């Protein structure tokens, strides 16, 4: 199955193809937009991988829905590559967000945190 970023990149490539048939200035602008969005997807993918590593580092096995993991990654895209590579620090950053998600959905009462 193709990832969301891959689907977006395919869509953007098709848009660039259509724009290439238009005026050259429009084509250049469409290409710039496509490249910028592709870079965001690339950053998002590496952030998602880092978040998944951080979640795996917890003492218990956490199985979060993909949408939750993707949301966590999207909220952390401003972190540098060095910060993403530091799994222990990233786990410390992600832990309260994961607990909050469990509390919101009633899967884990706050009084059991410890």
PDB file of N, CA and C in Angstrom:
ATOM      1  N   UNK A   1       0.841  -1.183   0.000  1.00  0.00           N
ATOM      2  CA  UNK A   1       0.000   0.000   0.000  1.00  0.00           C
ATOM      3  C   UNK A   1       0.884   1.243   0.000  1.00  0.00           C
ATOM      4  N   UNK A   2       0.513   2.178  -0.802  1.00  0.00           N
ATOM      5  CA  UNK A   2       1.286   3.414  -0.912  1.00  0.00           C
ATOM      6  C   UNK A   2       1.010   4.297   0.298  1.00  0.00           C
ATOM      7  N   UNK A   3       2.038   4.961   0.783  1.00  0.00           N
ATOM      8  CA  UNK A   3       1.857   5.870   1.907  1.00  0.00           C
ATOM      9  C   UNK A   3       1.144   7.131   1.418  1.00  0.00           C
ATOM     10  N   UNK A   4       0.653   7.874   2.373  1.00  0.00           N
ATOM     11  CA  UNK A   4      -0.034   9.112   2.041  1.00  0.00           C
ATOM     12  C   UNK A   4       0.901  10.043   1.274  1.00  0.00           C
ATOM     13  N   UNK A   5       2.160  10.113   1.706  1.00  0.00           N
ATOM     14  CA  UNK A   5       3.118  10.984   1.024  1.00  0.00           C
ATOM     15  C   UNK A   5       3.338  10.532  -0.418  1.00  0.00           C
ATOM     16  N   UNK A   6       3.401   9.224  -0.634  1.00  0.00           N
ATOM     17  CA  UNK A   6       3.584   8.723  -2.003  1.00  0.00           C
ATOM     18  C   UNK A   6       2.398   9.103  -2.877  1.00  0.00           C
ATOM     19  N   UNK A   7       1.190   9.001  -2.308  1.00  0.00           N
ATOM     20  CA  UNK A   7      -0.008   9.375  -3.058  1.00  0.00           C
ATOM     21  C   UNK A   7       0.012  10.869  -3.377  1.00  0.00           C
ATOM     22  N   UNK A   8       0.425  11.683  -2.414  1.00  0.00           N
ATOM     23  CA  UNK A   8       0.500  13.126  -2.636  1.00  0.00           C
ATOM     24  C   UNK A   8       1.531  13.431  -3.717  1.00  0.00           C
ATOM     25  N   UNK A   9       2.677  12.752  -3.651  1.00  0.00           N
ATOM     26  CA  UNK A   9       3.710  12.982  -4.651  1.00  0.00           C
ATOM     27  C   UNK A   9       3.220  12.604  -6.047  1.00  0.00           C
ATOM     28  N   UNK A  10       2.468  11.506  -6.180  1.00  0.00           N
ATOM     29  CA  UNK A  10       1.910  11.117  -7.484  1.00  0.00           C
ATOM     30  C   UNK A  10       0.952  12.192  -7.992  1.00  0.00           C
ATOM     31  N   UNK A  11       0.111  12.673  -7.082  1.00  0.00           N
ATOM     32  CA  UNK A  11      -0.852  13.704  -7.456  1.00  0.00           C
ATOM     33  C   UNK A  11      -0.129  14.975  -7.909  1.00  0.00           C
ATOM     34  N   UNK A  12       0.904  15.336  -7.159  1.00  0.00           N
ATOM     35  CA  UNK A  12       1.655  16.542  -7.516  1.00  0.00           C
ATOM     36  C   UNK A  12       2.407  16.361  -8.827  1.00  0.00           C
ATOM     37  N   UNK A  13       2.941  15.167  -9.076  1.00  0.00           N
ATOM     38  CA  UNK A  13       3.632  14.912 -10.341  1.00  0.00           C
ATOM     39  C   UNK A  13       2.663  15.068 -11.509  1.00  0.00           C
ATOM     40  N   UNK A  14       1.430  14.583 -11.327  1.00  0.00           N
ATOM     41  CA  UNK A  14       0.419  14.734 -12.374  1.00  0.00           C
ATOM     42  C   UNK A  14       0.088  16.216 -12.581  1.00  0.00           C
ATOM     43  N   UNK A  15       0.024  16.981 -11.493  1.00  0.00           N
ATOM     44  CA  UNK A  15      -0.252  18.418 -11.606  1.00  0.00           C
ATOM     45  C   UNK A  15       0.876  19.128 -12.344  1.00  0.00           C
ATOM     46  N   UNK A  16       2.110  18.730 -12.059  1.00  0.00           N
ATOM     47  CA  UNK A  16       3.250  19.329 -12.756  1.00  0.00           C
ATOM     48  C   UNK A  16       3.195  18.989 -14.236  1.00  0.00           C
ATOM     49  N   UNK A  17       2.833  17.760 -14.544  1.00  0.00           N
ATOM     50  CA  UNK A  17       2.717  17.325 -15.945  1.00  0.00           C
ATOM     51  C   UNK A  17       1.689  18.188 -16.683  1.00  0.00           C
ATOM     52  N   UNK A  18       0.536  18.392 -16.032  1.00  0.00           N
ATOM     53  CA  UNK A  18      -0.501  19.236 -16.662  1.00  0.00           C
ATOM     54  C   UNK A  18      -0.006  20.666 -16.819  1.00  0.00           C
ATOM     55  N   UNK A  19       0.676  21.149 -15.796  1.00  0.00           N
ATOM     56  CA  UNK A  19       1.166  22.522 -15.845  1.00  0.00           C
ATOM     57  C   UNK A  19       2.257  22.689 -16.892  1.00  0.00           C
ATOM     58  N   UNK A  20       2.985  21.608 -17.185  1.00  0.00           N
ATOM     59  CA  UNK A  20       4.068  21.715 -18.165  1.00  0.00           C
ATOM     60  C   UNK A  20       3.521  21.993 -19.568  1.00  0.00           C
ATOM     61  N   UNK A  21       2.274  21.668 -19.756  1.00  0.00           N
ATOM     62  CA  UNK A  21       1.640  21.961 -21.037  1.00  0.00           C
ATOM     63  C   UNK A  21       1.206  23.423 -21.100  1.00  0.00           C
ATOM     64  N   UNK A  22       1.190  24.079 -19.945  1.00  0.00           N
ATOM     65  CA  UNK A  22       0.800  25.492 -19.874  1.00  0.00           C
ATOM     66  C   UNK A  22       2.027  26.367 -20.105  1.00  0.00           C
ATOM     67  N   UNK A  23       1.866  27.628 -19.855  1.00  0.00           N
ATOM     68  CA  UNK A  23       2.960  28.578 -20.045  1.00  0.00           C
ATOM     69  C   UNK A  23       4.163  28.216 -19.174  1.00  0.00           C
ATOM     70  N   UNK A  24       5.377  28.519 -19.628  1.00  0.00           N
ATOM     71  CA  UNK A  24       6.592  28.174 -18.870  1.00  0.00           C
ATOM     72  C   UNK A  24       6.619  28.751 -17.450  1.00  0.00           C
ATOM     73  N   UNK A  25       6.123  29.953 -17.273  1.00  0.00           N
ATOM     74  CA  UNK A  25       6.135  30.555 -15.939  1.00  0.00           C
ATOM     75  C   UNK A  25       5.245  29.769 -14.982  1.00  0.00           C
ATOM     76  N   UNK A  26       4.089  29.377 -15.460  1.00  0.00           N
ATOM     77  CA  UNK A  26       3.185  28.576 -14.642  1.00  0.00           C
ATOM     78  C   UNK A  26       3.807  27.227 -14.316  1.00  0.00           C
ATOM     79  N   UNK A  27       4.518  26.660 -15.281  1.00  0.00           N
ATOM     80  CA  UNK A  27       5.158  25.363 -15.096  1.00  0.00           C
ATOM     81  C   UNK A  27       6.217  25.452 -13.997  1.00  0.00           C
ATOM     82  N   UNK A  28       7.016  26.514 -14.029  1.00  0.00           N
ATOM     83  CA  UNK A  28       8.072  26.691 -13.021  1.00  0.00           C
ATOM     84  C   UNK A  28       7.467  26.852 -11.627  1.00  0.00           C
ATOM     85  N   UNK A  29       6.377  27.602 -11.524  1.00  0.00           N
ATOM     86  CA  UNK A  29       5.722  27.803 -10.233  1.00  0.00           C
ATOM     87  C   UNK A  29       5.141  26.489  -9.707  1.00  0.00           C
ATOM     88  N   UNK A  30       4.525  25.716 -10.573  1.00  0.00           N
ATOM     89  CA  UNK A  30       3.960  24.431 -10.162  1.00  0.00           C
ATOM     90  C   UNK A  30       5.067  23.472  -9.716  1.00  0.00           C
ATOM     91  N   UNK A  31       6.187  23.511 -10.414  1.00  0.00           N
ATOM     92  CA  UNK A  31       7.314  22.643 -10.052  1.00  0.00           C
ATOM     93  C   UNK A  31       7.850  23.020  -8.670  1.00  0.00           C
ATOM     94  N   UNK A  32       7.979  24.316  -8.403  1.00  0.00           N
ATOM     95  CA  UNK A  32       8.448  24.775  -7.090  1.00  0.00           C
ATOM     96  C   UNK A  32       7.516  24.303  -5.983  1.00  0.00           C
ATOM     97  N   UNK A  33       6.212  24.429  -6.209  1.00  0.00           N
ATOM     98  CA  UNK A  33       5.239  23.986  -5.208  1.00  0.00           C
ATOM     99  C   UNK A  33       5.345  22.487  -4.965  1.00  0.00           C
ATOM    100  N   UNK A  34       5.468  21.719  -6.036  1.00  0.00           N
ATOM    101  CA  UNK A  34       5.565  20.262  -5.919  1.00  0.00           C
ATOM    102  C   UNK A  34       6.817  19.864  -5.153  1.00  0.00           C
ATOM    103  N   UNK A  35       7.933  20.526  -5.442  1.00  0.00           N
ATOM    104  CA  UNK A  35       9.180  20.222  -4.744  1.00  0.00           C
ATOM    105  C   UNK A  35       9.083  20.569  -3.267  1.00  0.00           C
ATOM    106  N   UNK A  36       8.444  21.681  -2.942  1.00  0.00           N
ATOM    107  CA  UNK A  36       8.290  22.087  -1.539  1.00  0.00           C
ATOM    108  C   UNK A  36       7.426  21.078  -0.788  1.00  0.00           C
ATOM    109  N   UNK A  37       6.331  20.641  -1.411  1.00  0.00           N
ATOM    110  CA  UNK A  37       5.461  19.664  -0.751  1.00  0.00           C
ATOM    111  C   UNK A  37       6.146  18.310  -0.628  1.00  0.00           C
ATOM    112  N   UNK A  38       6.930  17.924  -1.612  1.00  0.00           N
ATOM    113  CA  UNK A  38       7.668  16.663  -1.535  1.00  0.00           C
ATOM    114  C   UNK A  38       8.666  16.709  -0.388  1.00  0.00           C
ATOM    115  N   UNK A  39       9.294  17.867  -0.164  1.00  0.00           N
ATOM    116  CA  UNK A  39      10.243  18.016   0.948  1.00  0.00           C
ATOM    117  C   UNK A  39       9.528  17.877   2.285  1.00  0.00           C
ATOM    118  N   UNK A  40       8.320  18.441   2.391  1.00  0.00           N
ATOM    119  CA  UNK A  40       7.540  18.311   3.618  1.00  0.00           C
ATOM    120  C   UNK A  40       7.217  16.843   3.867  1.00  0.00           C
ATOM    121  N   UNK A  41       6.854  16.112   2.818  1.00  0.00           N
ATOM    122  CA  UNK A  41       6.551  14.682   2.967  1.00  0.00           C
ATOM    123  C   UNK A  41       7.782  13.924   3.428  1.00  0.00           C
ATOM    124  N   UNK A  42       8.929  14.241   2.864  1.00  0.00           N
ATOM    125  CA  UNK A  42      10.174  13.574   3.242  1.00  0.00           C
ATOM    126  C   UNK A  42      10.461  13.818   4.718  1.00  0.00           C
ATOM    127  N   UNK A  43      10.325  15.075   5.153  1.00  0.00           N
ATOM    128  CA  UNK A  43      10.531  15.408   6.561  1.00  0.00           C
ATOM    129  C   UNK A  43       9.519  14.678   7.435  1.00  0.00           C
ATOM    130  N   UNK A  44       8.274  14.622   6.984  1.00  0.00           N
ATOM    131  CA  UNK A  44       7.223  13.953   7.739  1.00  0.00           C
ATOM    132  C   UNK A  44       7.511  12.468   7.886  1.00  0.00           C
ATOM    133  N   UNK A  45       8.001  11.827   6.819  1.00  0.00           N
ATOM    134  CA  UNK A  45       8.324  10.401   6.881  1.00  0.00           C
ATOM    135  C   UNK A  45       9.430  10.133   7.884  1.00  0.00           C
ATOM    136  N   UNK A  46      10.493  10.944   7.895  1.00  0.00           N
ATOM    137  CA  UNK A  46      11.586  10.718   8.838  1.00  0.00           C
ATOM    138  C   UNK A  46      11.132  11.015  10.265  1.00  0.00           C
ATOM    139  N   UNK A  47      10.253  11.994  10.446  1.00  0.00           N
ATOM    140  CA  UNK A  47       9.716  12.283  11.771  1.00  0.00           C
ATOM    141  C   UNK A  47       8.837  11.135  12.236  1.00  0.00           C
ATOM    142  N   UNK A  48       8.034  10.574  11.341  1.00  0.00           N
ATOM    143  CA  UNK A  48       7.181   9.439  11.683  1.00  0.00           C
ATOM    144  C   UNK A  48       8.034   8.248  12.125  1.00  0.00           C
ATOM    145  N   UNK A  49       9.110   7.980  11.419  1.00  0.00           N
ATOM    146  CA  UNK A  49      10.005   6.880  11.798  1.00  0.00           C
ATOM    147  C   UNK A  49      10.600   7.125  13.179  1.00  0.00           C
ATOM    148  N   UNK A  50      10.989   8.357  13.466  1.00  0.00           N
ATOM    149  CA  UNK A  50      11.564   8.695  14.773  1.00  0.00           C
ATOM    150  C   UNK A  50      10.529   8.510  15.883  1.00  0.00           C
ATOM    151  N   UNK A  51       9.287   8.928  15.633  1.00  0.00           N
ATOM    152  CA  UNK A  51       8.221   8.767  16.627  1.00  0.00           C
ATOM    153  C   UNK A  51       7.962   7.280  16.873  1.00  0.00           C
ATOM    154  N   UNK A  52       7.947   6.487  15.816  1.00  0.00           N
ATOM    155  CA  UNK A  52       7.743   5.047  15.982  1.00  0.00           C
ATOM    156  C   UNK A  52       8.865   4.426  16.819  1.00  0.00           C
ATOM    157  N   UNK A  53      10.121   4.855  16.601  1.00  0.00           N
ATOM    158  CA  UNK A  53      11.247   4.368  17.420  1.00  0.00           C
ATOM    159  C   UNK A  53      11.046   4.756  18.882  1.00  0.00           C
ATOM    160  N   UNK A  54      10.625   6.003  19.106  1.00  0.00           N
ATOM    161  CA  UNK A  54      10.418   6.483  20.472  1.00  0.00           C
ATOM    162  C   UNK A  54       9.327   5.673  21.172  1.00  0.00           C
ATOM    163  N   UNK A  55       8.235   5.395  20.474  1.00  0.00           N
ATOM    164  CA  UNK A  55       7.144   4.619  21.072  1.00  0.00           C
ATOM    165  C   UNK A  55       7.587   3.196  21.396  1.00  0.00           C
ATOM    166  N   UNK A  56       8.440   2.628  20.557  1.00  0.00           N
ATOM    167  CA  UNK A  56       8.942   1.272  20.801  1.00  0.00           C
ATOM    168  C   UNK A  56       9.891   1.221  21.983  1.00  0.00           C
ATOM    169  N   UNK A  57      10.437   2.370  22.391  1.00  0.00           N
ATOM    170  CA  UNK A  57      11.402   2.393  23.485  1.00  0.00           C
ATOM    171  C   UNK A  57      10.733   2.351  24.858  1.00  0.00           C
ATOM    172  N   UNK A  58       9.412   2.519  24.920  1.00  0.00           N
ATOM    173  CA  UNK A  58       8.722   2.492  26.212  1.00  0.00           C
ATOM    174  C   UNK A  58       8.786   1.084  26.810  1.00  0.00           C
ATOM    175  N   UNK A  59       8.644   1.008  28.132  1.00  0.00           N
ATOM    176  CA  UNK A  59       8.728  -0.277  28.830  1.00  0.00           C
ATOM    177  C   UNK A  59       7.591  -1.216  28.450  1.00  0.00           C
ATOM    178  N   UNK A  60       6.469  -0.660  28.017  1.00  0.00           N
ATOM    179  CA  UNK A  60       5.340  -1.485  27.594  1.00  0.00           C
ATOM    180  C   UNK A  60       5.176  -1.358  26.086  1.00  0.00           C
ATOM    181  N   UNK A  61       4.551  -2.338  25.495  1.00  0.00           N
ATOM    182  CA  UNK A  61       4.310  -2.305  24.054  1.00  0.00           C
ATOM    183  C   UNK A  61       3.075  -1.449  23.786  1.00  0.00           C
ATOM    184  N   UNK A  62       3.269  -0.376  23.060  1.00  0.00           N
ATOM    185  CA  UNK A  62       2.168   0.516  22.713  1.00  0.00           C
ATOM    186  C   UNK A  62       1.743   0.280  21.274  1.00  0.00           C
ATOM    187  N   UNK A  63       0.485   0.070  21.062  1.00  0.00           N
ATOM    188  CA  UNK A  63      -0.054  -0.063  19.720  1.00  0.00           C
ATOM    189  C   UNK A  63      -1.015   1.104  19.496  1.00  0.00           C
ATOM    190  N   UNK A  64      -0.510   2.156  18.906  1.00  0.00           N
ATOM    191  CA  UNK A  64      -1.343   3.319  18.612  1.00  0.00           C
ATOM    192  C   UNK A  64      -1.839   3.238  17.175  1.00  0.00           C
ATOM    193  N   UNK A  65      -3.053   3.703  16.915  1.00  0.00           N
ATOM    194  CA  UNK A  65      -3.528   3.749  15.535  1.00  0.00           C
ATOM    195  C   UNK A  65      -2.603   4.611  14.680  1.00  0.00           C
ATOM    196  N   UNK A  66      -2.480   4.263  13.409  1.00  0.00           N
ATOM    197  CA  UNK A  66      -1.613   5.011  12.496  1.00  0.00           C
ATOM    198  C   UNK A  66      -1.940   6.493  12.481  1.00  0.00           C
ATOM    199  N   UNK A  67      -3.213   6.823  12.589  1.00  0.00           N
ATOM    200  CA  UNK A  67      -3.611   8.233  12.540  1.00  0.00           C
ATOM    201  C   UNK A  67      -3.042   8.989  13.747  1.00  0.00           C
ATOM    202  N   UNK A  68      -2.967   8.336  14.908  1.00  0.00           N
ATOM    203  CA  UNK A  68      -2.415   8.979  16.105  1.00  0.00           C
ATOM    204  C   UNK A  68      -0.906   9.170  15.934  1.00  0.00           C
ATOM    205  N   UNK A  69      -0.231   8.120  15.462  1.00  0.00           N
ATOM    206  CA  UNK A  69       1.210   8.208  15.246  1.00  0.00           C
ATOM    207  C   UNK A  69       1.528   9.282  14.214  1.00  0.00           C
ATOM    208  N   UNK A  70       0.745   9.341  13.156  1.00  0.00           N
ATOM    209  CA  UNK A  70       0.950  10.364  12.125  1.00  0.00           C
ATOM    210  C   UNK A  70       0.728  11.762  12.686  1.00  0.00           C
ATOM    211  N   UNK A  71      -0.284  11.903  13.549  1.00  0.00           N
ATOM    212  CA  UNK A  71      -0.553  13.205  14.163  1.00  0.00           C
ATOM    213  C   UNK A  71       0.607  13.618  15.060  1.00  0.00           C
ATOM    214  N   UNK A  72       1.131  12.680  15.846  1.00  0.00           N
ATOM    215  CA  UNK A  72       2.293  12.980  16.686  1.00  0.00           C
ATOM    216  C   UNK A  72       3.465  13.444  15.819  1.00  0.00           C
ATOM    217  N   UNK A  73       3.710  12.717  14.736  1.00  0.00           N
ATOM    218  CA  UNK A  73       4.817  13.070  13.841  1.00  0.00           C
ATOM    219  C   UNK A  73       4.600  14.451  13.235  1.00  0.00           C
ATOM    220  N   UNK A  74       3.385  14.737  12.822  1.00  0.00           N
ATOM    221  CA  UNK A  74       3.088  16.041  12.209  1.00  0.00           C
ATOM    222  C   UNK A  74       3.324  17.180  13.197  1.00  0.00           C
ATOM    223  N   UNK A  75       3.080  16.925  14.479  1.00  0.00           N
ATOM    224  CA  UNK A  75       3.270  17.986  15.472  1.00  0.00           C
ATOM    225  C   UNK A  75       4.739  18.185  15.828  1.00  0.00           C
ATOM    226  N   UNK A  76       5.614  17.279  15.360  1.00  0.00           N
ATOM    227  CA  UNK A  76       7.035  17.353  15.707  1.00  0.00           C
ATOM    228  C   UNK A  76       7.939  17.608  14.501  1.00  0.00           C
ATOM    229  N   UNK A  77       7.382  18.022  13.384  1.00  0.00           N
ATOM    230  CA  UNK A  77       8.187  18.193  12.168  1.00  0.00           C
ATOM    231  C   UNK A  77       9.208  19.318  12.267  1.00  0.00           C
ATOM    232  N   UNK A  78       9.084  20.183  13.260  1.00  0.00           N
ATOM    233  CA  UNK A  78      10.053  21.279  13.419  1.00  0.00           C
ATOM    234  C   UNK A  78      11.329  20.842  14.127  1.00  0.00           C
ATOM    235  N   UNK A  79      11.366  19.612  14.629  1.00  0.00           N
ATOM    236  CA  UNK A  79      12.566  19.140  15.320  1.00  0.00           C
ATOM    237  C   UNK A  79      13.698  18.913  14.317  1.00  0.00           C
ATOM    238  N   UNK A  80      14.899  19.148  14.775  1.00  0.00           N
ATOM    239  CA  UNK A  80      16.068  18.949  13.910  1.00  0.00           C
ATOM    240  C   UNK A  80      16.364  17.459  13.756  1.00  0.00           C
ATOM    241  N   UNK A  81      17.206  17.119  12.800  1.00  0.00           N
ATOM    242  CA  UNK A  81      17.609  15.721  12.608  1.00  0.00           C
ATOM    243  C   UNK A  81      18.284  15.171  13.857  1.00  0.00           C
ATOM    244  N   UNK A  82      19.094  15.987  14.520  1.00  0.00           N
ATOM    245  CA  UNK A  82      19.756  15.553  15.753  1.00  0.00           C
ATOM    246  C   UNK A  82      18.737  15.250  16.855  1.00  0.00           C
ATOM    247  N   UNK A  83      17.729  16.101  16.975  1.00  0.00           N
ATOM    248  CA  UNK A  83      16.690  15.871  17.988  1.00  0.00           C
ATOM    249  C   UNK A  83      15.894  14.616  17.673  1.00  0.00           C
ATOM    250  N   UNK A  84      15.626  14.378  16.390  1.00  0.00           N
ATOM    251  CA  UNK A  84      14.895  13.167  16.001  1.00  0.00           C
ATOM    252  C   UNK A  84      15.728  11.914  16.224  1.00  0.00           C
ATOM    253  N   UNK A  85      17.037  12.033  16.118  1.00  0.00           N
ATOM    254  CA  UNK A  85      17.921  10.880  16.299  1.00  0.00           C
ATOM    255  C   UNK A  85      18.076  10.500  17.768  1.00  0.00           C
ATOM    256  N   UNK A  86      17.802  11.419  18.682  1.00  0.00           N
ATOM    257  CA  UNK A  86      17.916  11.167  20.119  1.00  0.00           C
ATOM    258  C   UNK A  86      16.621  10.513  20.607  1.00  0.00           C
ATOM    259  N   UNK A  87      16.563   9.191  20.485  1.00  0.00           N
ATOM    260  CA  UNK A  87      15.333   8.446  20.778  1.00  0.00           C
ATOM    261  C   UNK A  87      14.881   8.632  22.221  1.00  0.00           C
ATOM    262  N   UNK A  88      15.791   8.621  23.172  1.00  0.00           N
ATOM    263  CA  UNK A  88      15.403   8.758  24.583  1.00  0.00           C
ATOM    264  C   UNK A  88      14.746  10.107  24.851  1.00  0.00           C
ATOM    265  N   UNK A  89      15.322  11.173  24.340  1.00  0.00           N
ATOM    266  CA  UNK A  89      14.734  12.506  24.536  1.00  0.00           C
ATOM    267  C   UNK A  89      13.402  12.635  23.810  1.00  0.00           C
ATOM    268  N   UNK A  90      13.333  12.053  22.618  1.00  0.00           N
ATOM    269  CA  UNK A  90      12.078  12.095  21.866  1.00  0.00           C
ATOM    270  C   UNK A  90      10.994  11.307  22.596  1.00  0.00           C
ATOM    271  N   UNK A  91      11.366  10.174  23.198  1.00  0.00           N
ATOM    272  CA  UNK A  91      10.402   9.381  23.969  1.00  0.00           C
ATOM    273  C   UNK A  91       9.880  10.201  25.147  1.00  0.00           C
ATOM    274  N   UNK A  92      10.770  10.950  25.818  1.00  0.00           N
ATOM    275  CA  UNK A  92      10.345  11.816  26.922  1.00  0.00           C
ATOM    276  C   UNK A  92       9.364  12.879  26.440  1.00  0.00           C
ATOM    277  N   UNK A  93       9.576  13.364  25.228  1.00  0.00           N
ATOM    278  CA  UNK A  93       8.703  14.383  24.646  1.00  0.00           C
ATOM    279  C   UNK A  93       7.351  13.795  24.235  1.00  0.00           C
ATOM    280  N   UNK A  94       7.371  12.577  23.712  1.00  0.00           N
ATOM    281  CA  UNK A  94       6.160  11.940  23.177  1.00  0.00           C
ATOM    282  C   UNK A  94       5.297  11.327  24.287  1.00  0.00           C
ATOM    283  N   UNK A  95       5.921  10.902  25.386  1.00  0.00           N
ATOM    284  CA  UNK A  95       5.184  10.189  26.444  1.00  0.00           C
ATOM    285  C   UNK A  95       3.948  10.925  26.935  1.00  0.00           C
ATOM    286  N   UNK A  96       4.040  12.217  27.314  1.00  0.00           N
ATOM    287  CA  UNK A  96       2.825  12.877  27.792  1.00  0.00           C
ATOM    288  C   UNK A  96       1.754  13.011  26.705  1.00  0.00           C
ATOM    289  N   UNK A  97       2.183  13.133  25.463  1.00  0.00           N
ATOM    290  CA  UNK A  97       1.211  13.214  24.367  1.00  0.00           C
ATOM    291  C   UNK A  97       0.479  11.884  24.207  1.00  0.00           C
ATOM    292  N   UNK A  98       1.216  10.781  24.325  1.00  0.00           N
ATOM    293  CA  UNK A  98       0.602   9.456  24.216  1.00  0.00           C
ATOM    294  C   UNK A  98      -0.343   9.213  25.392  1.00  0.00           C
ATOM    295  N   UNK A  99       0.081   9.566  26.604  1.00  0.00           N
ATOM    296  CA  UNK A  99      -0.789   9.408  27.775  1.00  0.00           C
ATOM    297  C   UNK A  99      -2.065  10.237  27.614  1.00  0.00           C
ATOM    298  N   UNK A 100      -1.904  11.452  27.124  1.00  0.00           N
ATOM    299  CA  UNK A 100      -3.074  12.304  26.897  1.00  0.00           C
ATOM    300  C   UNK A 100      -4.060  11.679  25.930  1.00  0.00           C
ATOM    301  N   UNK A 101      -3.537  11.035  24.883  1.00  0.00           N
ATOM    302  CA  UNK A 101      -4.413  10.371  23.913  1.00  0.00           C
ATOM    303  C   UNK A 101      -5.176   9.230  24.577  1.00  0.00           C
ATOM    304  N   UNK A 102      -4.493   8.451  25.427  1.00  0.00           N
ATOM    305  CA  UNK A 102      -5.163   7.360  26.133  1.00  0.00           C
ATOM    306  C   UNK A 102      -6.220   7.910  27.089  1.00  0.00           C
ATOM    307  N   UNK A 103      -5.913   9.000  27.791  1.00  0.00           N
ATOM    308  CA  UNK A 103      -6.870   9.597  28.718  1.00  0.00           C
ATOM    309  C   UNK A 103      -8.101  10.102  27.978  1.00  0.00           C
ATOM    310  N   UNK A 104      -7.883  10.771  26.861  1.00  0.00           N
ATOM    311  CA  UNK A 104      -9.000  11.327  26.085  1.00  0.00           C
ATOM    312  C   UNK A 104      -9.978  10.256  25.631  1.00  0.00           C
ATOM    313  N   UNK A 105      -9.453   9.101  25.272  1.00  0.00           N
ATOM    314  CA  UNK A 105     -10.304   8.041  24.739  1.00  0.00           C
ATOM    315  C   UNK A 105     -10.752   7.067  25.817  1.00  0.00           C
ATOM    316  N   UNK A 106     -10.429   7.370  27.078  1.00  0.00           N
ATOM    317  CA  UNK A 106     -10.882   6.532  28.178  1.00  0.00           C
ATOM    318  C   UNK A 106     -10.203   5.183  28.264  1.00  0.00           C
ATOM    319  N   UNK A 107      -9.118   5.004  27.526  1.00  0.00           N
ATOM    320  CA  UNK A 107      -8.432   3.714  27.515  1.00  0.00           C
ATOM    321  C   UNK A 107      -7.528   3.552  28.735  1.00  0.00           C
ATOM    322  N   UNK A 108      -7.229   4.658  29.410  1.00  0.00           N
ATOM    323  CA  UNK A 108      -6.294   4.608  30.529  1.00  0.00           C
ATOM    324  C   UNK A 108      -6.631   5.774  31.455  1.00  0.00           C
ATOM    325  N   UNK A 109      -7.201   5.509  32.622  1.00  0.00           N
ATOM    326  CA  UNK A 109      -7.550   6.597  33.542  1.00  0.00           C
ATOM    327  C   UNK A 109      -6.305   7.327  34.047  1.00  0.00           C
ATOM    328  N   UNK A 110      -6.412   8.620  34.207  1.00  0.00           N
ATOM    329  CA  UNK A 110      -5.284   9.432  34.657  1.00  0.00           C
ATOM    330  C   UNK A 110      -4.781   9.021  36.032  1.00  0.00           C
ATOM    331  N   UNK A 111      -5.678   8.499  36.897  1.00  0.00           N
ATOM    332  CA  UNK A 111      -5.235   8.112  38.246  1.00  0.00           C
ATOM    333  C   UNK A 111      -4.366   6.862  38.249  1.00  0.00           C
ATOM    334  N   UNK A 112      -4.214   6.194  37.099  1.00  0.00           N
ATOM    335  CA  UNK A 112      -3.324   5.026  37.000  1.00  0.00           C
ATOM    336  C   UNK A 112      -1.942   5.398  36.516  1.00  0.00           C
ATOM    337  N   UNK A 113      -1.725   6.672  36.185  1.00  0.00           N
ATOM    338  CA  UNK A 113      -0.389   7.111  35.775  1.00  0.00           C
ATOM    339  C   UNK A 113       0.545   6.988  36.976  1.00  0.00           C
ATOM    340  N   UNK A 114       1.738   6.611  36.698  1.00  0.00           N
ATOM    341  CA  UNK A 114       2.608   6.537  37.846  1.00  0.00           C
ATOM    342  C   UNK A 114       3.982   6.310  37.441  1.00  0.00           C
TER     343      UNK A 114
END
